[in-house]
Each structure stands twice: as structure tokens, then as C-alpha cells.
PDB file of N, CA and C in Angstrom:
ATOM      1  N   MET A   1     137.983  56.212  91.965  1.00  0.00           N
ATOM      2  CA  MET A   1     137.514  57.345  91.182  1.00  0.00           C
ATOM      3  C   MET A   1     136.309  57.973  91.873  1.00  0.00           C
ATOM      4  N   ALA A   2     136.340  59.267  91.908  1.00  0.00           N
ATOM      5  CA  ALA A   2     135.232  59.990  92.512  1.00  0.00           C
ATOM      6  C   ALA A   2     134.112  60.157  91.500  1.00  0.00           C
ATOM      7  N   ARG A   3     132.918  59.920  92.004  1.00  0.00           N
ATOM      8  CA  ARG A   3     131.769  60.122  91.118  1.00  0.00           C
ATOM      9  C   ARG A   3     131.453  61.600  91.008  1.00  0.00           C
ATOM     10  N   GLU A   4     131.071  61.994  89.818  1.00  0.00           N
ATOM     11  CA  GLU A   4     130.654  63.380  89.634  1.00  0.00           C
ATOM     12  C   GLU A   4     129.243  63.532  90.180  1.00  0.00           C
ATOM     13  N   SER A   5     129.029  64.559  90.975  1.00  0.00           N
ATOM     14  CA  SER A   5     127.684  64.778  91.493  1.00  0.00           C
ATOM     15  C   SER A   5     126.840  65.449  90.419  1.00  0.00           C
ATOM     16  N   LYS A   6     125.576  65.062  90.398  1.00  0.00           N
ATOM     17  CA  LYS A   6     124.670  65.657  89.419  1.00  0.00           C
ATOM     18  C   LYS A   6     124.449  67.116  89.785  1.00  0.00           C
ATOM     19  N   PRO A   7     124.365  67.970  88.792  1.00  0.00           N
ATOM     20  CA  PRO A   7     124.071  69.368  89.114  1.00  0.00           C
ATOM     21  C   PRO A   7     122.652  69.484  89.678  1.00  0.00           C
ATOM     22  N   THR A   8     122.512  70.308  90.684  1.00  0.00           N
ATOM     23  CA  THR A   8     121.214  70.499  91.301  1.00  0.00           C
ATOM     24  C   THR A   8     120.328  71.336  90.379  1.00  0.00           C
ATOM     25  N   ARG A   9     119.123  70.873  90.218  1.00  0.00           N
ATOM     26  CA  ARG A   9     118.186  71.590  89.349  1.00  0.00           C
ATOM     27  C   ARG A   9     117.791  72.912  90.005  1.00  0.00           C
ATOM     28  N   PRO A  10     117.586  73.957  89.194  1.00  0.00           N
ATOM     29  CA  PRO A  10     117.249  75.265  89.761  1.00  0.00           C
ATOM     30  C   PRO A  10     115.986  75.244  90.616  1.00  0.00           C
ATOM     31  N   CYS A  11     114.971  74.470  90.196  1.00  0.00           N
ATOM     32  CA  CYS A  11     113.735  74.445  90.978  1.00  0.00           C
ATOM     33  C   CYS A  11     113.985  73.851  92.365  1.00  0.00           C
ATOM     34  N   CYS A  12     114.890  72.885  92.462  1.00  0.00           N
ATOM     35  CA  CYS A  12     115.210  72.286  93.761  1.00  0.00           C
ATOM     36  C   CYS A  12     115.954  73.277  94.643  1.00  0.00           C
ATOM     37  N   VAL A  13     116.841  74.039  94.047  1.00  0.00           N
ATOM     38  CA  VAL A  13     117.593  75.040  94.807  1.00  0.00           C
ATOM     39  C   VAL A  13     116.640  76.087  95.367  1.00  0.00           C
ATOM     40  N   ILE A  14     115.711  76.534  94.549  1.00  0.00           N
ATOM     41  CA  ILE A  14     114.746  77.544  94.998  1.00  0.00           C
ATOM     42  C   ILE A  14     113.877  76.982  96.111  1.00  0.00           C
ATOM     43  N   SER A  15     113.414  75.744  95.939  1.00  0.00           N
ATOM     44  CA  SER A  15     112.592  75.118  96.982  1.00  0.00           C
ATOM     45  C   SER A  15     113.353  75.031  98.300  1.00  0.00           C
ATOM     46  N   GLU A  16     114.618  74.650  98.232  1.00  0.00           N
ATOM     47  CA  GLU A  16     115.427  74.557  99.442  1.00  0.00           C
ATOM     48  C   GLU A  16     115.612  75.919 100.095  1.00  0.00           C
ATOM     49  N   MET A  17     115.851  76.940  99.293  1.00  0.00           N
ATOM     50  CA  MET A  17     116.041  78.289  99.843  1.00  0.00           C
ATOM     51  C   MET A  17     114.761  78.768 100.520  1.00  0.00           C
ATOM     52  N   LEU A  18     113.631  78.546  99.886  1.00  0.00           N
ATOM     53  CA  LEU A  18     112.359  78.970 100.472  1.00  0.00           C
ATOM     54  C   LEU A  18     112.059  78.203 101.754  1.00  0.00           C
ATOM     55  N   GLU A  19     112.394  76.930 101.754  1.00  0.00           N
ATOM     56  CA  GLU A  19     112.182  76.115 102.948  1.00  0.00           C
ATOM     57  C   GLU A  19     113.035  76.631 104.101  1.00  0.00           C
ATOM     58  N   GLU A  20     114.283  76.978 103.813  1.00  0.00           N
ATOM     59  CA  GLU A  20     115.170  77.521 104.851  1.00  0.00           C
ATOM     60  C   GLU A  20     114.670  78.869 105.357  1.00  0.00           C
ATOM     61  N   ALA A  21     114.000  79.638 104.478  1.00  0.00           N
ATOM     62  CA  ALA A  21     113.483  80.948 104.874  1.00  0.00           C
ATOM     63  C   ALA A  21     112.158  80.826 105.622  1.00  0.00           C
ATOM     64  N   GLY A  22     111.610  79.617 105.686  1.00  0.00           N
ATOM     65  CA  GLY A  22     110.364  79.421 106.419  1.00  0.00           C
ATOM     66  C   GLY A  22     109.121  79.651 105.585  1.00  0.00           C
ATOM     67  N   VAL A  23     109.251  79.641 104.266  1.00  0.00           N
ATOM     68  CA  VAL A  23     108.106  79.837 103.382  1.00  0.00           C
ATOM     69  C   VAL A  23     107.707  78.470 102.833  1.00  0.00           C
ATOM     70  N   ASP A  24     106.468  78.075 103.081  1.00  0.00           N
ATOM     71  CA  ASP A  24     106.033  76.766 102.611  1.00  0.00           C
ATOM     72  C   ASP A  24     105.210  76.890 101.322  1.00  0.00           C
ATOM     73  N   ARG A  25     104.895  75.767 100.734  1.00  0.00           N
ATOM     74  CA  ARG A  25     104.173  75.747  99.453  1.00  0.00           C
ATOM     75  C   ARG A  25     102.802  76.406  99.551  1.00  0.00           C
ATOM     76  N   GLU A  26     102.103  76.174 100.659  1.00  0.00           N
ATOM     77  CA  GLU A  26     100.753  76.736 100.796  1.00  0.00           C
ATOM     78  C   GLU A  26     100.806  78.262 100.826  1.00  0.00           C
ATOM     79  N   LYS A  27     101.785  78.798 101.538  1.00  0.00           N
ATOM     80  CA  LYS A  27     101.919  80.258 101.604  1.00  0.00           C
ATOM     81  C   LYS A  27     102.251  80.819 100.223  1.00  0.00           C
ATOM     82  N   LEU A  28     103.130  80.137  99.492  1.00  0.00           N
ATOM     83  CA  LEU A  28     103.470  80.576  98.139  1.00  0.00           C
ATOM     84  C   LEU A  28     102.250  80.538  97.227  1.00  0.00           C
ATOM     85  N   ARG A  29     101.451  79.496  97.371  1.00  0.00           N
ATOM     86  CA  ARG A  29     100.246  79.369  96.557  1.00  0.00           C
ATOM     87  C   ARG A  29      99.282  80.524  96.836  1.00  0.00           C
ATOM     88  N   LEU A  30      99.147  80.901  98.107  1.00  0.00           N
ATOM     89  CA  LEU A  30      98.265  82.016  98.464  1.00  0.00           C
ATOM     90  C   LEU A  30      98.778  83.343  97.896  1.00  0.00           C
ATOM     91  N   VAL A  31     100.080  83.557  98.006  1.00  0.00           N
ATOM     92  CA  VAL A  31     100.666  84.794  97.482  1.00  0.00           C
ATOM     93  C   VAL A  31     100.518  84.849  95.965  1.00  0.00           C
ATOM     94  N   ARG A  32     100.779  83.735  95.291  1.00  0.00           N
ATOM     95  CA  ARG A  32     100.640  83.677  93.835  1.00  0.00           C
ATOM     96  C   ARG A  32      99.204  83.997  93.427  1.00  0.00           C
ATOM     97  N   ARG A  33      98.249  83.445  94.175  1.00  0.00           N
ATOM     98  CA  ARG A  33      96.836  83.693  93.870  1.00  0.00           C
ATOM     99  C   ARG A  33      96.495  85.178  94.048  1.00  0.00           C
ATOM    100  N   GLN A  34      96.998  85.792  95.119  1.00  0.00           N
ATOM    101  CA  GLN A  34      96.739  87.213  95.351  1.00  0.00           C
ATOM    102  C   GLN A  34      97.322  88.069  94.234  1.00  0.00           C
ATOM    103  N   VAL A  35      98.529  87.727  93.787  1.00  0.00           N
ATOM    104  CA  VAL A  35      99.161  88.487  92.708  1.00  0.00           C
ATOM    105  C   VAL A  35      98.336  88.366  91.429  1.00  0.00           C
ATOM    106  N   LEU A  36      97.922  87.154  91.088  1.00  0.00           N
ATOM    107  CA  LEU A  36      97.124  86.956  89.875  1.00  0.00           C
ATOM    108  C   LEU A  36      95.780  87.676  89.962  1.00  0.00           C
ATOM    109  N   GLU A  37      95.148  87.646  91.128  1.00  0.00           N
ATOM    110  CA  GLU A  37      93.885  88.364  91.291  1.00  0.00           C
ATOM    111  C   GLU A  37      94.099  89.869  91.146  1.00  0.00           C
ATOM    112  N   GLY A  38      95.223  90.367  91.632  1.00  0.00           N
ATOM    113  CA  GLY A  38      95.536  91.785  91.470  1.00  0.00           C
ATOM    114  C   GLY A  38      95.732  92.160  90.013  1.00  0.00           C
ATOM    115  N   VAL A  39      96.411  91.305  89.265  1.00  0.00           N
ATOM    116  CA  VAL A  39      96.624  91.559  87.832  1.00  0.00           C
ATOM    117  C   VAL A  39      95.288  91.552  87.102  1.00  0.00           C
ATOM    118  N   ILE A  40      94.421  90.596  87.434  1.00  0.00           N
ATOM    119  CA  ILE A  40      93.103  90.527  86.804  1.00  0.00           C
ATOM    120  C   ILE A  40      92.300  91.790  87.120  1.00  0.00           C
ATOM    121  N   LEU A  41      92.320  92.219  88.367  1.00  0.00           N
ATOM    122  CA  LEU A  41      91.595  93.431  88.760  1.00  0.00           C
ATOM    123  C   LEU A  41      92.123  94.642  88.003  1.00  0.00           C
ATOM    124  N   PHE A  42      93.438  94.743  87.874  1.00  0.00           N
ATOM    125  CA  PHE A  42      94.038  95.854  87.140  1.00  0.00           C
ATOM    126  C   PHE A  42      93.608  95.837  85.669  1.00  0.00           C
ATOM    127  N   CYS A  43      93.617  94.656  85.052  1.00  0.00           N
ATOM    128  CA  CYS A  43      93.219  94.549  83.644  1.00  0.00           C
ATOM    129  C   CYS A  43      91.762  94.935  83.453  1.00  0.00           C
ATOM    130  N   ARG A  44      90.894  94.494  84.356  1.00  0.00           N
ATOM    131  CA  ARG A  44      89.474  94.867  84.264  1.00  0.00           C
ATOM    132  C   ARG A  44      89.298  96.380  84.375  1.00  0.00           C
ATOM    133  N   TRP A  45      90.034  96.979  85.296  1.00  0.00           N
ATOM    134  CA  TRP A  45      89.954  98.430  85.479  1.00  0.00           C
ATOM    135  C   TRP A  45      90.392  99.152  84.206  1.00  0.00           C
ATOM    136  N   GLN A  46      91.478  98.668  83.595  1.00  0.00           N
ATOM    137  CA  GLN A  46      91.957  99.282  82.356  1.00  0.00           C
ATOM    138  C   GLN A  46      90.925  99.142  81.246  1.00  0.00           C
ATOM    139  N   LEU A  47      90.298  97.967  81.137  1.00  0.00           N
ATOM    140  CA  LEU A  47      89.281  97.762  80.104  1.00  0.00           C
ATOM    141  C   LEU A  47      88.084  98.681  80.325  1.00  0.00           C
ATOM    142  N   GLU A  48      87.675  98.860  81.571  1.00  0.00           N
ATOM    143  CA  GLU A  48      86.577  99.775  81.869  1.00  0.00           C
ATOM    144  C   GLU A  48      86.937 101.201  81.466  1.00  0.00           C
ATOM    145  N   ARG A  49      88.161 101.609  81.740  1.00  0.00           N
ATOM    146  CA  ARG A  49      88.598 102.951  81.346  1.00  0.00           C
ATOM    147  C   ARG A  49      88.560 103.121  79.835  1.00  0.00           C
ATOM    148  N   MET A  50      88.967 102.075  79.103  1.00  0.00           N
ATOM    149  CA  MET A  50      89.003 102.157  77.649  1.00  0.00           C
ATOM    150  C   MET A  50      87.591 102.200  77.061  1.00  0.00           C
ATOM    151  N   ASP A  51      86.633 101.541  77.734  1.00  0.00           N
ATOM    152  CA  ASP A  51      85.269 101.478  77.218  1.00  0.00           C
ATOM    153  C   ASP A  51      84.457 102.733  77.498  1.00  0.00           C
ATOM    154  N   ARG A  52      84.889 103.539  78.448  1.00  0.00           N
ATOM    155  CA  ARG A  52      84.160 104.767  78.765  1.00  0.00           C
ATOM    156  C   ARG A  52      84.176 105.711  77.569  1.00  0.00           C
ATOM    157  N   ALA A  53      83.174 106.567  77.525  1.00  0.00           N
ATOM    158  CA  ALA A  53      83.100 107.548  76.434  1.00  0.00           C
ATOM    159  C   ALA A  53      84.305 108.471  76.513  1.00  0.00           C
ATOM    160  N   PRO A  54      84.922 108.747  75.373  1.00  0.00           N
ATOM    161  CA  PRO A  54      86.089 109.639  75.403  1.00  0.00           C
ATOM    162  C   PRO A  54      85.685 111.057  75.796  1.00  0.00           C
ATOM    163  N   ARG A  55      86.585 111.734  76.440  1.00  0.00           N
ATOM    164  CA  ARG A  55      86.337 113.119  76.834  1.00  0.00           C
ATOM    165  C   ARG A  55      86.346 114.006  75.605  1.00  0.00           C
ATOM    166  N   PRO A  56      85.551 115.067  75.636  1.00  0.00           N
ATOM    167  CA  PRO A  56      85.598 115.986  74.493  1.00  0.00           C
ATOM    168  C   PRO A  56      86.965 116.654  74.417  1.00  0.00           C
ATOM    169  N   PRO A  57      87.428 116.934  73.218  1.00  0.00           N
ATOM    170  CA  PRO A  57      88.747 117.571  73.101  1.00  0.00           C
ATOM    171  C   PRO A  57      88.750 118.967  73.713  1.00  0.00           C
ATOM    172  N   ALA A  58      89.913 119.414  74.093  1.00  0.00           N
ATOM    173  CA  ALA A  58      90.057 120.760  74.673  1.00  0.00           C
ATOM    174  C   ALA A  58      89.615 121.799  73.640  1.00  0.00           C
ATOM    175  N   ALA A  59      89.234 122.959  74.137  1.00  0.00           N
ATOM    176  CA  ALA A  59      88.783 124.032  73.241  1.00  0.00           C
ATOM    177  C   ALA A  59      89.849 124.302  72.181  1.00  0.00           C
ATOM    178  N   ALA A  60      89.417 124.364  70.924  1.00  0.00           N
ATOM    179  CA  ALA A  60      90.365 124.526  69.819  1.00  0.00           C
ATOM    180  C   ALA A  60      90.978 125.920  69.787  1.00  0.00           C
ATOM    181  N   GLY A  61      90.286 126.905  70.307  1.00  0.00           N
ATOM    182  CA  GLY A  61      90.767 128.281  70.238  1.00  0.00           C
ATOM    183  C   GLY A  61      91.841 128.600  71.266  1.00  0.00           C
ATOM    184  N   ARG A  62      92.030 127.779  72.236  1.00  0.00           N
ATOM    185  CA  ARG A  62      93.008 128.064  73.280  1.00  0.00           C
ATOM    186  C   ARG A  62      94.380 127.548  72.882  1.00  0.00           C
ATOM    187  N   LYS A  63      95.346 128.403  73.042  1.00  0.00           N
ATOM    188  CA  LYS A  63      96.725 128.023  72.780  1.00  0.00           C
ATOM    189  C   LYS A  63      97.558 128.329  74.018  1.00  0.00           C
ATOM    190  N   ALA A  64      98.690 127.729  74.084  1.00  0.00           N
ATOM    191  CA  ALA A  64      99.588 127.981  75.203  1.00  0.00           C
ATOM    192  C   ALA A  64     100.125 129.398  75.119  1.00  0.00           C
ATOM    193  N   ARG A  65     100.284 130.025  76.277  1.00  0.00           N
ATOM    194  CA  ARG A  65     100.826 131.384  76.288  1.00  0.00           C
ATOM    195  C   ARG A  65     102.339 131.335  76.208  1.00  0.00           C
ATOM    196  N   LYS A  66     102.891 132.274  75.490  1.00  0.00           N
ATOM    197  CA  LYS A  66     104.344 132.390  75.444  1.00  0.00           C
ATOM    198  C   LYS A  66     104.792 133.265  76.584  1.00  0.00           C
ATOM    199  N   VAL A  67     105.767 132.801  77.300  1.00  0.00           N
ATOM    200  CA  VAL A  67     106.273 133.533  78.450  1.00  0.00           C
ATOM    201  C   VAL A  67     107.760 133.738  78.248  1.00  0.00           C
ATOM    202  N   SER A  68     108.181 134.982  78.495  1.00  0.00           N
ATOM    203  CA  SER A  68     109.604 135.242  78.376  1.00  0.00           C
ATOM    204  C   SER A  68     110.240 135.143  79.760  1.00  0.00           C
ATOM    205  N   ILE A  69     111.404 134.538  79.810  1.00  0.00           N
ATOM    206  CA  ILE A  69     112.110 134.364  81.078  1.00  0.00           C
ATOM    207  C   ILE A  69     113.408 135.129  80.991  1.00  0.00           C
ATOM    208  N   GLU A  70     113.658 135.937  82.015  1.00  0.00           N
ATOM    209  CA  GLU A  70     114.888 136.723  82.029  1.00  0.00           C
ATOM    210  C   GLU A  70     115.970 136.026  82.770  1.00  0.00           C
TER     211      GLU A  70
END
């Protein structure tokens, strides 16, 4: 009787694929860190934008002009 092989876990498959592509754990760790730092920088920038004083509203008397197109 043939033994059934255990299904390969997805994390192992990914590790094998990355290893074959020449990407090691240290490089992945560096890339992950850069991505997280970028997300943090983006969030800080958004928070700074939200904290700034709001711009005054546009002049109330101005309305859009109606234009006829032939």
C-alpha cells in the first residue's frame, strides 16, 4: 500500500518558491520593514493634514457659470 503524502503547508511552499527565486529571509525582513515604515510615514502625514486648520470656504456669492454648447 502506498502511503499518502502529507499536503505541503502553504508557508512551506512560499518559502521554497522564494528560496528558488534567490530571496532570503533577511532580504524579506528588510523589505517588510521598509513597507511598514512607509505606511507609518503615510499615516503620520495624513494625521498632520487632518490637524491643520481648515481652509476658509469658497466665496458664497460665486456660482458656476452656465455655458451653452452647440
